[in-house]
Amino acid sequence: MWKLTRPENRHDKLTRDNLLDLEDHHLVRIESVQEDQRQVWVLTKRGHGEAKQLLEPKGIRVSELREEKYDPDTGELLGTGYDDHAAAVTSTAAELHRAGIGHRLGFQTEIGHRLGNSFVQRADLMVRAPAAGVPVLLLEIDRRTEDAHELVQKLHRYWEWGRLLPPDADKRTVDLVRSRPDAIDTVDHQERLWRRVYPPTGREGLPPVAFVFADTTEAKVDNTVAVLEKVGRRYWAPRRYESYHRGITALDYGQAVPVVVTTLEQLQEHGADGEVWRRLGRTGEQTLTAALDNPDGDALYRAQAARADERAARRRAAEREAQRPVCSRCGQKFTDERWEETTARGGAWTAGDLTVCGPCHADDVAREQAARLQAAAPPPLEDDRELARPGRGLFRRRG
């Protein structure tokens, strides 16, 4: 706990003294002592009530109260396996916090996600760290007490929850989704239930999920990850873009749950800000933000589509230029205006010779106008013709 509350201190004396002081006031108690002498502290009923009053106005949810249960015959405190798992959850939060991913009040445990069948999928830990590039991250801490296929079912439920509509959704949208379940793919995330609970992730897809394995072997982790990748592919894998563009290699992550995996031992050894996270569907380990990013996703699609549009525009321009008519008289290519005149509907009636360019057509028009003017001029009068004869004029020489 001291790593979470005082990460800058090398020793836990200050945190331990504070806990002992809270214990004197009956606000906390020791749940158990682990084999490595780590103590698991929990709130008492009194402390739980005060914590709710202190934190809930700020939107912080307090975990369920851990009541003490004793054996009725021996009076011994009953263990439930909660201790080791709780310690792993707290240690994971501490490592994230130590790496600058999330602040102390940015962590919540046992966050419920109610599905349509009233089943509640609870996340072991939720962190909000927008300053670190992680607006929201749901974490499942597994000490290999669950079968790999159970983790696939958890992933399935998170995927289902991310596709739910809010109770006040538009009736037409609700009817469409009920009649055709895959229609939810066309509903913007802003209109779904999960956006009422969590902020936008800043990336494509649903809220990301992280599986953190603790107290297990590397072989078991590899086997579990292999099952998650194979059996849970429908929930985490991106799709191909349905695009008329050719040469698009980008992938559509819009309906996928981003899933990253790591181990608590890696977090403790290298830090949560190190390259200790592996994204399902990828090889190698990355930092958390790099693992959550989609370099082959929407940004790449927009760039590839823009380049494809440019290539298509250049190709259409070249094809049009190859079809541009050439003047049969002077050999010059038609301008766009002249080309449109000769091809526009009804334009052939006024375009004249369709095989000549604009300047040649203008010459034709000028000649036609001159000919019309000459033809329309009135014939000269008889006196005018007499005067126009050679030797005739207005004045005569006298003999």
Protein backbone atom coordinates (compact mmCIF):
# COMPACT_ATOMS: atom_id res chain seq x y z
CA MET A 1 0.00 0.00 0.00
CA TRP A 2 2.84 2.41 0.74
CA LYS A 3 3.95 2.20 -2.91
CA LEU A 4 0.55 3.53 -3.92
CA THR A 5 0.22 6.23 -1.26
CA ARG A 6 3.85 7.36 -1.01
CA PRO A 7 5.69 6.17 -4.14
CA GLU A 8 8.53 8.63 -3.57
CA ASN A 9 9.47 7.00 -0.24
CA ARG A 10 11.84 4.04 -0.25
CA HIS A 11 10.45 2.70 3.02
CA ASP A 12 6.89 2.18 4.21
CA LYS A 13 7.27 3.54 7.75
CA LEU A 14 5.13 6.63 7.12
CA THR A 15 2.31 4.62 5.56
CA ARG A 16 2.53 1.98 8.28
CA ASP A 17 2.34 4.63 11.00
CA ASN A 18 -0.70 6.17 9.34
CA LEU A 19 -2.42 2.79 9.11
CA LEU A 20 -1.66 2.07 12.76
CA ASP A 21 -3.16 5.44 13.68
CA LEU A 22 -6.28 4.64 11.64
CA GLU A 23 -6.41 1.25 13.35
CA ASP A 24 -6.42 2.96 16.75
CA HIS A 25 -9.50 4.87 15.60
CA HIS A 26 -11.13 1.61 14.41
CA LEU A 27 -11.18 2.76 10.78
CA VAL A 28 -9.00 0.00 9.32
CA ARG A 29 -7.93 -3.48 10.32
CA ILE A 30 -5.45 -6.11 9.18
CA GLU A 31 -7.17 -8.73 7.05
CA SER A 32 -4.22 -11.09 6.95
CA VAL A 33 -0.44 -11.39 6.83
CA GLN A 34 1.02 -13.07 3.77
CA GLU A 35 3.96 -15.44 3.63
CA ASP A 36 6.36 -12.61 2.71
CA GLN A 37 5.08 -10.68 5.78
CA ARG A 38 3.09 -8.22 3.68
CA GLN A 39 -0.06 -7.14 5.48
CA VAL A 40 -3.42 -6.82 3.78
CA TRP A 41 -5.40 -3.93 5.28
CA VAL A 42 -9.11 -3.32 4.79
CA LEU A 43 -11.62 -0.76 5.98
CA THR A 44 -13.80 -1.47 8.98
CA LYS A 45 -17.53 -0.77 8.80
CA ARG A 46 -16.93 2.59 10.45
CA GLY A 47 -14.05 3.41 8.13
CA HIS A 48 -16.04 2.31 5.11
CA GLY A 49 -18.84 4.72 6.01
CA GLU A 50 -16.46 7.64 6.50
CA ALA A 51 -14.65 6.87 3.25
CA LYS A 52 -17.93 6.92 1.35
CA GLN A 53 -18.76 10.35 2.72
CA LEU A 54 -15.27 11.60 1.93
CA LEU A 55 -14.87 10.24 -1.58
CA GLU A 56 -18.28 9.72 -3.17
CA PRO A 57 -19.00 13.45 -3.72
CA LYS A 58 -15.93 13.43 -5.95
CA GLY A 59 -17.25 10.52 -7.97
CA ILE A 60 -14.98 7.90 -6.40
CA ARG A 61 -16.57 4.53 -5.78
CA VAL A 62 -15.60 2.67 -2.59
CA SER A 63 -15.14 -1.09 -2.77
CA GLU A 64 -17.53 -3.44 -0.99
CA LEU A 65 -17.15 -3.75 2.74
CA ARG A 66 -15.04 -6.71 3.87
CA GLU A 67 -16.84 -8.03 6.89
CA GLU A 68 -15.04 -10.27 9.35
CA LYS A 69 -16.31 -13.83 9.30
CA TYR A 70 -15.32 -16.30 11.97
CA ASP A 71 -15.73 -20.01 12.34
CA PRO A 72 -18.67 -20.53 14.74
CA ASP A 73 -16.90 -23.38 16.51
CA THR A 74 -13.24 -22.35 16.68
CA GLY A 75 -13.67 -18.60 16.42
CA GLU A 76 -10.92 -18.50 13.78
CA LEU A 77 -11.08 -15.82 11.10
CA LEU A 78 -12.18 -17.46 7.87
CA GLY A 79 -10.06 -16.90 4.77
CA THR A 80 -11.62 -16.69 1.32
CA GLY A 81 -8.64 -16.40 -0.99
CA TYR A 82 -9.39 -12.68 -1.21
CA ASP A 83 -6.11 -11.71 0.39
CA ASP A 84 -3.64 -12.78 -2.29
CA HIS A 85 -5.83 -11.50 -5.09
CA ALA A 86 -6.41 -8.17 -3.31
CA ALA A 87 -2.68 -7.82 -2.76
CA ALA A 88 -2.05 -8.45 -6.46
CA VAL A 89 -4.67 -5.86 -7.44
CA THR A 90 -3.18 -3.28 -5.08
CA SER A 91 0.35 -4.05 -6.26
CA THR A 92 -0.73 -3.59 -9.87
CA ALA A 93 -2.28 -0.22 -9.04
CA ALA A 94 0.87 0.75 -7.17
CA GLU A 95 3.11 -0.08 -10.13
CA LEU A 96 0.89 1.89 -12.49
CA HIS A 97 0.88 4.84 -10.13
CA ARG A 98 4.65 4.65 -9.62
CA ALA A 99 5.07 4.87 -13.41
CA GLY A 100 2.88 7.97 -13.60
CA ILE A 101 -0.13 6.12 -15.02
CA GLY A 102 -3.03 7.29 -12.90
CA HIS A 103 -3.26 9.23 -9.64
CA ARG A 104 -4.33 7.84 -6.28
CA LEU A 105 -7.99 8.76 -6.73
CA GLY A 106 -7.96 7.61 -10.36
CA PHE A 107 -8.14 3.93 -9.36
CA GLN A 108 -11.32 2.03 -8.59
CA THR A 109 -11.86 -1.63 -7.84
CA GLU A 110 -14.72 -4.02 -8.46
CA ILE A 111 -16.37 -1.85 -11.12
CA GLY A 112 -19.61 -3.47 -12.29
CA HIS A 113 -20.75 -3.62 -15.92
CA ARG A 114 -24.35 -4.81 -16.14
CA LEU A 115 -25.26 -6.78 -19.25
CA GLY A 116 -28.66 -7.12 -20.89
CA ASN A 117 -29.34 -10.40 -19.05
CA SER A 118 -28.72 -8.66 -15.69
CA PHE A 119 -25.34 -10.37 -15.29
CA VAL A 120 -22.73 -8.01 -13.84
CA GLN A 121 -19.17 -8.28 -15.09
CA ARG A 122 -16.88 -6.71 -12.50
CA ALA A 123 -13.45 -5.38 -13.38
CA ASP A 124 -10.82 -6.01 -10.73
CA LEU A 125 -9.32 -2.59 -11.30
CA MET A 126 -10.10 0.48 -13.39
CA VAL A 127 -7.68 3.32 -13.96
CA ARG A 128 -8.21 6.70 -15.57
CA ALA A 129 -4.98 8.37 -16.63
CA PRO A 130 -5.68 10.77 -19.52
CA ALA A 131 -2.45 12.68 -18.83
CA ALA A 132 -0.53 9.46 -19.51
CA GLY A 133 -2.45 8.72 -22.70
CA VAL A 134 -4.76 6.19 -21.04
CA PRO A 135 -8.20 7.80 -20.55
CA VAL A 136 -9.58 4.48 -19.29
CA LEU A 137 -8.21 0.97 -18.80
CA LEU A 138 -10.04 -2.04 -17.31
CA LEU A 139 -7.74 -4.56 -15.66
CA GLU A 140 -8.31 -8.20 -14.79
CA ILE A 141 -5.77 -9.59 -12.31
CA ASP A 142 -5.40 -13.35 -12.67
CA ARG A 143 -3.33 -15.51 -10.33
CA ARG A 144 -4.07 -18.48 -12.60
CA THR A 145 -7.03 -19.42 -10.45
CA GLU A 146 -9.25 -19.13 -13.52
CA ASP A 147 -9.24 -21.26 -16.63
CA ALA A 148 -8.14 -19.56 -19.85
CA HIS A 149 -11.59 -20.08 -21.36
CA GLU A 150 -13.10 -18.23 -18.39
CA LEU A 151 -10.95 -15.25 -19.34
CA VAL A 152 -12.29 -15.54 -22.89
CA GLN A 153 -15.81 -15.37 -21.46
CA LYS A 154 -14.87 -12.24 -19.54
CA LEU A 155 -13.55 -10.70 -22.74
CA HIS A 156 -16.78 -11.68 -24.48
CA ARG A 157 -18.84 -9.95 -21.78
CA TYR A 158 -16.79 -6.75 -22.03
CA TRP A 159 -17.34 -6.84 -25.80
CA GLU A 160 -21.08 -7.33 -25.31
CA TRP A 161 -21.28 -4.52 -22.77
CA GLY A 162 -19.53 -2.15 -25.19
CA ARG A 163 -22.25 -2.84 -27.77
CA LEU A 164 -25.21 -2.03 -25.52
CA LEU A 165 -27.47 0.96 -26.06
CA PRO A 166 -28.48 3.26 -23.18
CA PRO A 167 -32.03 2.96 -21.79
CA ASP A 168 -33.05 6.25 -23.40
CA ALA A 169 -31.73 5.38 -26.85
CA ASP A 170 -33.65 6.49 -29.91
CA LYS A 171 -36.58 4.12 -30.59
CA ARG A 172 -35.71 3.72 -34.26
CA THR A 173 -32.15 2.73 -33.33
CA VAL A 174 -33.41 0.24 -30.72
CA ASP A 175 -35.86 -1.34 -33.20
CA LEU A 176 -33.14 -1.58 -35.84
CA VAL A 177 -30.70 -3.30 -33.48
CA ARG A 178 -33.38 -5.70 -32.24
CA SER A 179 -34.33 -6.67 -35.78
CA ARG A 180 -30.75 -6.99 -36.97
CA PRO A 181 -28.14 -7.38 -34.19
CA ASP A 182 -25.18 -6.53 -36.43
CA ALA A 183 -26.74 -3.11 -37.01
CA ILE A 184 -25.09 -1.99 -33.76
CA ASP A 185 -21.87 -1.76 -35.79
CA THR A 186 -23.33 1.27 -37.55
CA VAL A 187 -24.27 3.04 -34.30
CA ASP A 188 -21.69 5.64 -33.29
CA HIS A 189 -19.91 4.99 -29.99
CA GLN A 190 -21.15 8.35 -28.72
CA GLU A 191 -24.67 6.90 -28.74
CA ARG A 192 -23.79 3.71 -26.83
CA LEU A 193 -24.06 2.96 -23.14
CA TRP A 194 -20.31 2.77 -22.44
CA ARG A 195 -19.86 6.43 -23.37
CA ARG A 196 -22.23 7.34 -20.52
CA VAL A 197 -19.80 5.63 -18.12
CA TYR A 198 -16.33 6.27 -19.51
CA PRO A 199 -14.74 9.12 -21.46
CA PRO A 200 -13.67 8.64 -25.09
CA THR A 201 -10.55 6.52 -25.29
CA GLY A 202 -8.93 8.66 -27.96
CA ARG A 203 -8.54 5.56 -30.11
CA GLU A 204 -10.79 3.35 -32.19
CA GLY A 205 -12.77 0.60 -30.54
CA LEU A 206 -14.25 -0.17 -27.14
CA PRO A 207 -12.67 0.48 -23.71
CA PRO A 208 -9.36 -1.43 -23.53
CA VAL A 209 -8.88 -4.42 -21.26
CA ALA A 210 -5.60 -5.55 -19.67
CA PHE A 211 -4.93 -9.02 -18.27
CA VAL A 212 -2.23 -8.95 -15.60
CA PHE A 213 -0.98 -12.40 -14.53
CA ALA A 214 0.57 -12.83 -11.10
CA ASP A 215 2.28 -15.63 -9.19
CA THR A 216 2.40 -17.99 -12.17
CA THR A 217 4.87 -19.44 -14.63
CA GLU A 218 5.85 -18.10 -18.04
CA ALA A 219 4.58 -21.29 -19.71
CA LYS A 220 1.12 -20.90 -18.18
CA VAL A 221 0.98 -17.27 -19.26
CA ASP A 222 1.95 -18.21 -22.82
CA ASN A 223 -0.72 -20.94 -22.94
CA THR A 224 -3.38 -18.57 -21.61
CA VAL A 225 -2.48 -15.84 -24.08
CA ALA A 226 -2.59 -18.37 -26.92
CA VAL A 227 -6.16 -19.33 -25.93
CA LEU A 228 -7.18 -15.67 -25.67
CA GLU A 229 -5.79 -14.98 -29.14
CA LYS A 230 -7.36 -18.01 -30.80
CA VAL A 231 -10.71 -18.43 -29.08
CA GLY A 232 -11.33 -14.75 -28.35
CA ARG A 233 -10.30 -13.49 -31.78
CA ARG A 234 -13.79 -12.30 -32.63
CA TYR A 235 -13.69 -9.82 -29.75
CA TRP A 236 -10.20 -8.31 -30.02
CA ALA A 237 -9.31 -8.66 -33.73
CA PRO A 238 -9.79 -5.78 -36.21
CA ARG A 239 -11.64 -6.19 -39.50
CA ARG A 240 -10.88 -5.32 -43.08
CA TYR A 241 -12.23 -1.99 -44.26
CA GLU A 242 -15.15 -2.31 -46.65
CA SER A 243 -13.77 0.18 -49.15
CA TYR A 244 -13.91 0.57 -52.91
CA HIS A 245 -10.32 1.79 -52.77
CA ARG A 246 -7.65 -0.60 -53.95
CA GLY A 247 -4.45 -1.17 -52.03
CA ILE A 248 -5.94 -0.42 -48.60
CA THR A 249 -3.99 -2.36 -45.96
CA ALA A 250 -5.35 -0.46 -42.94
CA LEU A 251 -7.55 -2.35 -40.47
CA ASP A 252 -10.83 -1.32 -38.84
CA TYR A 253 -10.60 -1.47 -35.02
CA GLY A 254 -13.94 0.26 -34.51
CA GLN A 255 -15.78 -2.76 -33.05
CA ALA A 256 -12.85 -4.44 -31.28
CA VAL A 257 -11.81 -4.56 -27.63
CA PRO A 258 -8.12 -3.64 -27.41
CA VAL A 259 -6.49 -6.28 -25.19
CA VAL A 260 -3.02 -6.07 -23.66
CA VAL A 261 -1.33 -8.59 -21.38
CA THR A 262 1.59 -8.52 -18.95
CA THR A 263 2.66 -9.97 -15.62
CA LEU A 264 2.92 -8.36 -12.22
CA GLU A 265 6.53 -9.52 -12.02
CA GLN A 266 7.38 -7.61 -15.20
CA LEU A 267 5.68 -4.49 -13.87
CA GLN A 268 7.68 -4.70 -10.65
CA GLU A 269 10.97 -5.39 -12.41
CA HIS A 270 10.80 -2.99 -15.37
CA GLY A 271 8.03 -0.56 -14.43
CA ALA A 272 4.58 -0.13 -15.93
CA ASP A 273 5.94 2.55 -18.27
CA GLY A 274 8.44 0.11 -19.79
CA GLU A 275 8.07 -2.20 -22.75
CA VAL A 276 6.26 -4.90 -20.79
CA TRP A 277 2.84 -4.90 -22.51
CA ARG A 278 1.91 -7.18 -25.35
CA ARG A 279 -1.12 -6.48 -27.56
CA LEU A 280 -3.10 -9.49 -28.69
CA GLY A 281 -2.45 -10.06 -32.38
CA ARG A 282 1.06 -8.59 -32.22
CA THR A 283 4.47 -9.96 -31.44
CA GLY A 284 6.88 -8.41 -29.01
CA GLU A 285 6.31 -6.10 -26.08
CA GLN A 286 5.66 -2.36 -26.13
CA THR A 287 4.92 0.48 -23.77
CA LEU A 288 1.29 0.71 -22.71
CA THR A 289 0.38 3.64 -24.95
CA ALA A 290 2.18 2.12 -27.95
CA ALA A 291 0.39 -1.18 -27.38
CA LEU A 292 -2.99 0.57 -27.23
CA ASP A 293 -2.35 2.72 -30.31
CA ASN A 294 -3.39 1.51 -33.76
CA PRO A 295 -0.76 2.64 -36.28
CA ASP A 296 -2.40 0.42 -38.89
CA GLY A 297 -5.90 1.66 -38.08
CA ASP A 298 -8.02 4.69 -38.86
CA ALA A 299 -5.15 7.15 -39.33
CA LEU A 300 -3.48 4.86 -41.86
CA TYR A 301 -6.81 4.34 -43.62
CA ARG A 302 -7.37 8.07 -44.03
CA ALA A 303 -3.86 8.53 -45.40
CA GLN A 304 -4.16 5.57 -47.78
CA ALA A 305 -7.63 6.64 -48.93
CA ALA A 306 -6.39 10.19 -49.57
CA ARG A 307 -3.48 8.86 -51.62
CA ALA A 308 -5.82 6.54 -53.50
CA ASP A 309 -8.13 9.47 -54.25
CA GLU A 310 -5.20 11.48 -55.56
CA ARG A 311 -4.07 8.62 -57.79
CA ALA A 312 -7.60 8.13 -59.08
CA ALA A 313 -7.94 11.86 -59.80
CA ARG A 314 -4.64 11.89 -61.72
CA ARG A 315 -5.68 8.80 -63.66
CA ARG A 316 -9.04 10.32 -64.60
CA ALA A 317 -7.34 13.55 -65.65
CA ALA A 318 -4.88 11.64 -67.84
CA GLU A 319 -7.67 9.62 -69.42
CA ARG A 320 -9.66 12.78 -70.11
CA GLU A 321 -6.62 14.50 -71.61
CA ALA A 322 -6.05 11.55 -73.90
CA GLN A 323 -9.61 11.93 -75.21
CA ARG A 324 -9.34 15.72 -75.76
CA PRO A 325 -10.23 16.53 -79.44
CA VAL A 326 -7.71 18.10 -81.86
CA CYS A 327 -8.68 20.81 -84.31
CA SER A 328 -8.93 19.45 -87.85
CA ARG A 329 -7.83 22.78 -89.27
CA CYS A 330 -4.94 24.09 -87.15
CA GLY A 331 -4.06 20.98 -85.14
CA GLN A 332 -4.47 22.68 -81.74
CA LYS A 333 -6.20 20.86 -78.84
CA PHE A 334 -9.62 22.02 -77.77
CA THR A 335 -9.89 24.13 -74.65
CA ASP A 336 -12.23 22.90 -71.89
CA GLU A 337 -14.79 25.56 -72.85
CA ARG A 338 -14.73 24.58 -76.55
CA TRP A 339 -14.86 20.88 -75.65
CA GLU A 340 -17.89 21.48 -73.49
CA GLU A 341 -19.55 23.50 -76.27
CA THR A 342 -19.20 20.64 -78.74
CA THR A 343 -20.36 17.95 -76.30
CA ALA A 344 -23.00 19.69 -74.19
CA ARG A 345 -26.58 18.69 -74.73
CA GLY A 346 -28.02 21.00 -77.36
CA GLY A 347 -24.70 22.74 -77.83
CA ALA A 348 -24.07 21.22 -81.27
CA TRP A 349 -26.76 23.52 -82.72
CA THR A 350 -24.69 26.62 -81.96
CA ALA A 351 -21.16 25.18 -81.86
CA GLY A 352 -20.70 25.25 -85.61
CA ASP A 353 -18.12 22.89 -87.04
CA LEU A 354 -17.56 20.38 -84.24
CA THR A 355 -14.12 19.45 -85.57
CA VAL A 356 -12.51 22.87 -85.20
CA CYS A 357 -11.14 24.56 -82.08
CA GLY A 358 -12.37 27.76 -80.47
CA PRO A 359 -10.23 30.29 -82.44
CA CYS A 360 -11.01 28.62 -85.75
CA HIS A 361 -14.68 28.57 -84.85
CA ALA A 362 -14.44 32.28 -84.02
CA ASP A 363 -12.97 32.93 -87.47
CA ASP A 364 -15.84 31.01 -89.04
CA VAL A 365 -18.32 33.07 -87.07
CA ALA A 366 -16.64 36.32 -88.12
CA ARG A 367 -16.71 35.33 -91.80
CA GLU A 368 -20.35 34.34 -91.56
CA GLN A 369 -21.24 37.65 -89.93
CA ALA A 370 -19.37 39.60 -92.60
CA ALA A 371 -21.12 37.67 -95.34
CA ARG A 372 -24.50 38.31 -93.76
CA LEU A 373 -23.79 42.02 -93.47
CA GLN A 374 -22.72 42.20 -97.11
CA ALA A 375 -25.79 40.31 -98.24
CA ALA A 376 -28.04 42.57 -96.19
CA ALA A 377 -26.59 45.85 -97.59
CA PRO A 378 -29.12 47.77 -100.00
CA PRO A 379 -28.18 48.04 -103.76
CA PRO A 380 -26.91 51.50 -104.98
CA LEU A 381 -29.43 53.96 -106.68
CA GLU A 382 -29.31 54.86 -110.48
CA ASP A 383 -27.97 58.41 -109.88
CA ASP A 384 -25.36 56.95 -107.63
CA ARG A 385 -24.35 54.52 -110.37
CA GLU A 386 -24.17 57.43 -112.88
CA LEU A 387 -22.03 59.44 -110.56
CA ALA A 388 -19.87 56.47 -109.96
CA ARG A 389 -19.14 56.04 -113.68
CA PRO A 390 -15.63 57.12 -114.77
CA GLY A 391 -15.34 60.77 -115.79
CA ARG A 392 -18.63 61.65 -114.13
CA GLY A 393 -18.75 63.84 -111.10
CA LEU A 394 -20.69 66.58 -109.44
CA PHE A 395 -18.87 69.27 -111.33
CA ARG A 396 -18.15 69.48 -115.09
CA ARG A 397 -15.51 71.50 -116.94
CA ARG A 398 -16.93 74.25 -119.12
CA GLY A 399 -15.72 74.53 -122.76
